[in-house]
Amino acid sequence: MYVNSIRLRELRLARQWSQDQLATLCGLNLRTIQRLESGAKISNESLRALAAVLEVPAESLLTDEPSPGQSALKAMREGVLSGLEFTGTTPRADFWWFALGVVMMLVFVKLLGLVLGPLPLQLASLVVLLPWIAACTRRLRDAGLSPWWQLISLAPVAGILVLLYLLTYQIKKAEPANATTS
């Protein structure tokens, strides 16, 4: 069974709850809520807990198939909307769509700067700085790494390359151990 991640997120946001608050109310782990909002499989126990807290039928939280990655424009839009949010996580694909949006905007402003001078590029760089740091923080957290790894980008050239590598990192899902009792 897969959770309808879009519906789950909409229900949570309608109540103005953070992922952490929903996890606490359901008795689930924060990481479980993050995975469920990414379209992961859901256990019967987690489904019942979520349905009870959100006061909806359990079946309304399910979908037949895992949700595909969101569209590029939607990922860019959500990256902008959550621009100053340093909590939570950002899936790898969503982060890179947001990064592409930032690069495209900076290229456009750079071209505009050829006509108007360097001021538009300087202003645009300042505008995207905090959202970029926030997105990197969420992405590193999603990869299971400390957001403090961003400081490595202060090292010339190699630091930026190391940070870009870390931003591509993906957590390997642990295989469940065989429960054998003797």
Protein backbone atom coordinates (compact mmCIF):
# COMPACT_ATOMS: atom_id res chain seq x y z
CA MET A 1 0.00 0.00 0.00
CA TYR A 2 1.25 3.42 -0.91
CA VAL A 3 0.20 6.64 0.77
CA ASN A 4 -1.27 9.46 -1.29
CA SER A 5 1.55 11.86 -0.44
CA ILE A 6 -0.17 14.90 -1.94
CA ARG A 7 -3.35 14.36 0.09
CA LEU A 8 -1.36 13.68 3.27
CA ARG A 9 0.61 16.90 2.85
CA GLU A 10 -2.54 18.90 2.06
CA LEU A 11 -4.30 17.57 5.18
CA ARG A 12 -1.27 18.38 7.33
CA LEU A 13 -0.89 21.89 5.92
CA ALA A 14 -4.63 22.58 6.23
CA ARG A 15 -4.22 22.07 9.97
CA GLN A 16 -1.05 24.19 9.93
CA TRP A 17 0.99 21.37 11.44
CA SER A 18 4.65 20.78 10.83
CA GLN A 19 5.85 17.29 9.97
CA ASP A 20 7.26 17.07 13.48
CA GLN A 21 3.91 17.97 15.05
CA LEU A 22 2.09 15.37 12.95
CA ALA A 23 4.68 12.74 13.90
CA THR A 24 4.24 13.51 17.60
CA LEU A 25 0.44 13.41 17.40
CA CYS A 26 0.49 10.09 15.51
CA GLY A 27 3.19 8.52 17.64
CA LEU A 28 5.34 8.05 14.55
CA ASN A 29 8.93 8.99 13.83
CA LEU A 30 9.55 12.30 12.03
CA ARG A 31 11.52 10.42 9.36
CA THR A 32 8.49 8.18 8.77
CA ILE A 33 6.29 11.22 8.09
CA GLN A 34 8.94 12.62 5.73
CA ARG A 35 9.08 9.33 3.82
CA LEU A 36 5.30 9.08 3.64
CA GLU A 37 5.07 12.60 2.21
CA SER A 38 7.54 11.44 -0.44
CA GLY A 39 5.17 8.66 -1.51
CA ALA A 40 6.65 5.70 0.39
CA LYS A 41 4.84 2.51 1.34
CA ILE A 42 2.78 2.69 4.52
CA SER A 43 2.17 0.03 7.13
CA ASN A 44 -1.33 -0.71 8.46
CA GLU A 45 -0.40 0.63 11.90
CA SER A 46 0.92 3.92 10.51
CA LEU A 47 -2.12 4.25 8.24
CA ARG A 48 -4.53 3.79 11.15
CA ALA A 49 -2.59 6.28 13.31
CA LEU A 50 -2.57 8.93 10.56
CA ALA A 51 -6.24 8.43 9.72
CA ALA A 52 -7.22 8.77 13.39
CA VAL A 53 -5.23 11.96 13.95
CA LEU A 54 -6.29 13.55 10.64
CA GLU A 55 -9.91 12.40 11.21
CA VAL A 56 -10.33 10.91 7.73
CA PRO A 57 -11.11 7.40 6.50
CA ALA A 58 -7.93 5.33 6.16
CA GLU A 59 -8.76 4.48 2.53
CA SER A 60 -8.70 8.17 1.59
CA LEU A 61 -4.97 8.28 2.39
CA LEU A 62 -4.08 5.48 -0.02
CA THR A 63 -3.18 5.33 -3.68
CA ASP A 64 -2.64 2.32 -5.95
CA GLU A 65 0.85 3.23 -7.14
CA PRO A 66 3.81 5.13 -5.77
CA SER A 67 3.55 8.78 -6.63
CA PRO A 68 5.88 9.81 -9.46
CA GLY A 69 8.33 12.62 -8.95
CA GLN A 70 6.68 15.96 -9.19
CA SER A 71 6.96 18.04 -12.28
CA ALA A 72 9.92 20.34 -12.77
CA LEU A 73 7.89 23.54 -12.49
CA LYS A 74 6.15 22.33 -9.34
CA ALA A 75 9.51 21.42 -7.77
CA MET A 76 10.90 24.86 -8.64
CA ARG A 77 7.79 26.55 -7.26
CA GLU A 78 7.92 24.59 -3.99
CA GLY A 79 11.61 25.39 -3.67
CA VAL A 80 10.79 29.09 -3.88
CA LEU A 81 7.81 28.83 -1.51
CA SER A 82 9.84 26.99 1.10
CA GLY A 83 12.77 29.32 0.49
CA LEU A 84 13.37 30.32 4.09
CA GLU A 85 12.31 27.01 5.66
CA PHE A 86 15.34 25.29 7.16
CA THR A 87 13.37 22.39 8.67
CA GLY A 88 12.33 19.19 6.97
CA THR A 89 13.90 17.62 3.91
CA THR A 90 14.03 18.04 0.15
CA PRO A 91 14.18 14.97 -2.09
CA ARG A 92 17.12 14.79 -4.47
CA ALA A 93 15.15 15.34 -7.70
CA ASP A 94 13.23 18.29 -6.26
CA PHE A 95 16.44 19.92 -5.07
CA TRP A 96 18.09 19.65 -8.48
CA TRP A 97 15.03 21.07 -10.26
CA PHE A 98 15.13 23.98 -7.82
CA ALA A 99 18.90 24.38 -8.48
CA LEU A 100 18.23 24.44 -12.22
CA GLY A 101 15.61 27.16 -11.67
CA VAL A 102 18.11 29.22 -9.67
CA VAL A 103 20.79 28.83 -12.36
CA MET A 104 18.34 29.76 -15.14
CA MET A 105 17.25 32.86 -13.23
CA LEU A 106 20.85 33.93 -12.61
CA VAL A 107 21.74 33.42 -16.28
CA PHE A 108 18.75 35.53 -17.32
CA VAL A 109 19.75 38.27 -14.87
CA LYS A 110 23.36 38.06 -16.09
CA LEU A 111 22.15 38.65 -19.65
CA LEU A 112 20.02 41.51 -18.41
CA GLY A 113 23.13 42.82 -16.65
CA LEU A 114 24.90 43.15 -19.98
CA VAL A 115 22.47 45.97 -20.73
CA LEU A 116 21.89 47.41 -17.25
CA GLY A 117 25.26 46.82 -15.58
CA PRO A 118 26.28 44.56 -12.69
CA LEU A 119 23.63 45.69 -10.16
CA PRO A 120 20.82 43.28 -11.26
CA LEU A 121 23.11 40.24 -10.92
CA GLN A 122 24.34 41.38 -7.52
CA LEU A 123 20.76 41.89 -6.28
CA ALA A 124 19.58 38.55 -7.70
CA SER A 125 22.53 36.76 -6.06
CA LEU A 126 21.56 38.23 -2.70
CA VAL A 127 17.91 37.29 -3.21
CA VAL A 128 18.71 33.61 -3.92
CA LEU A 129 21.38 33.24 -1.22
CA LEU A 130 19.13 32.35 1.74
CA PRO A 131 16.74 30.13 -0.26
CA TRP A 132 19.79 28.31 -1.66
CA ILE A 133 21.26 27.77 1.82
CA ALA A 134 17.85 26.59 3.10
CA ALA A 135 17.44 24.17 0.17
CA CYS A 136 20.96 22.80 0.72
CA THR A 137 20.19 22.38 4.43
CA ARG A 138 17.03 20.39 3.68
CA ARG A 139 18.77 18.33 0.97
CA LEU A 140 21.73 17.42 3.19
CA ARG A 141 19.31 16.44 5.95
CA ASP A 142 17.42 14.24 3.46
CA ALA A 143 20.74 12.58 2.56
CA GLY A 144 21.33 11.83 6.24
CA LEU A 145 24.14 14.37 6.57
CA SER A 146 24.64 17.36 8.82
CA PRO A 147 23.71 20.72 7.28
CA TRP A 148 27.05 22.00 8.61
CA TRP A 149 28.68 20.28 5.62
CA GLN A 150 27.77 23.43 3.67
CA LEU A 151 30.70 25.18 5.30
CA ILE A 152 33.04 23.07 3.18
CA SER A 153 32.03 25.24 0.22
CA LEU A 154 34.11 28.04 1.75
CA ALA A 155 37.23 26.15 0.65
CA PRO A 156 38.15 27.35 -2.84
CA VAL A 157 37.08 25.12 -5.78
CA ALA A 158 37.47 21.71 -4.08
CA GLY A 159 35.03 22.66 -1.31
CA ILE A 160 32.30 23.49 -3.79
CA LEU A 161 32.90 20.24 -5.67
CA VAL A 162 32.69 18.24 -2.42
CA LEU A 163 29.45 20.01 -1.48
CA LEU A 164 27.94 19.28 -4.90
CA TYR A 165 28.87 15.62 -4.46
CA LEU A 166 27.25 15.52 -1.01
CA LEU A 167 24.08 17.09 -2.41
CA THR A 168 23.78 14.13 -4.81
CA TYR A 169 24.12 11.63 -1.98
CA GLN A 170 21.22 9.22 -1.44
CA ILE A 171 20.54 7.18 1.69
CA LYS A 172 20.52 3.46 1.07
CA LYS A 173 17.40 1.92 2.56
CA ALA A 174 18.28 -0.74 5.11
CA GLU A 175 17.08 -4.24 4.40
CA PRO A 176 14.80 -5.56 7.16
CA ALA A 177 16.55 -8.14 9.29
CA ASN A 178 15.06 -11.62 9.35
CA ALA A 179 13.24 -12.01 12.63
CA THR A 180 14.12 -15.48 13.75
CA THR A 181 13.68 -16.54 17.32
CA SER A 182 15.04 -19.67 18.84
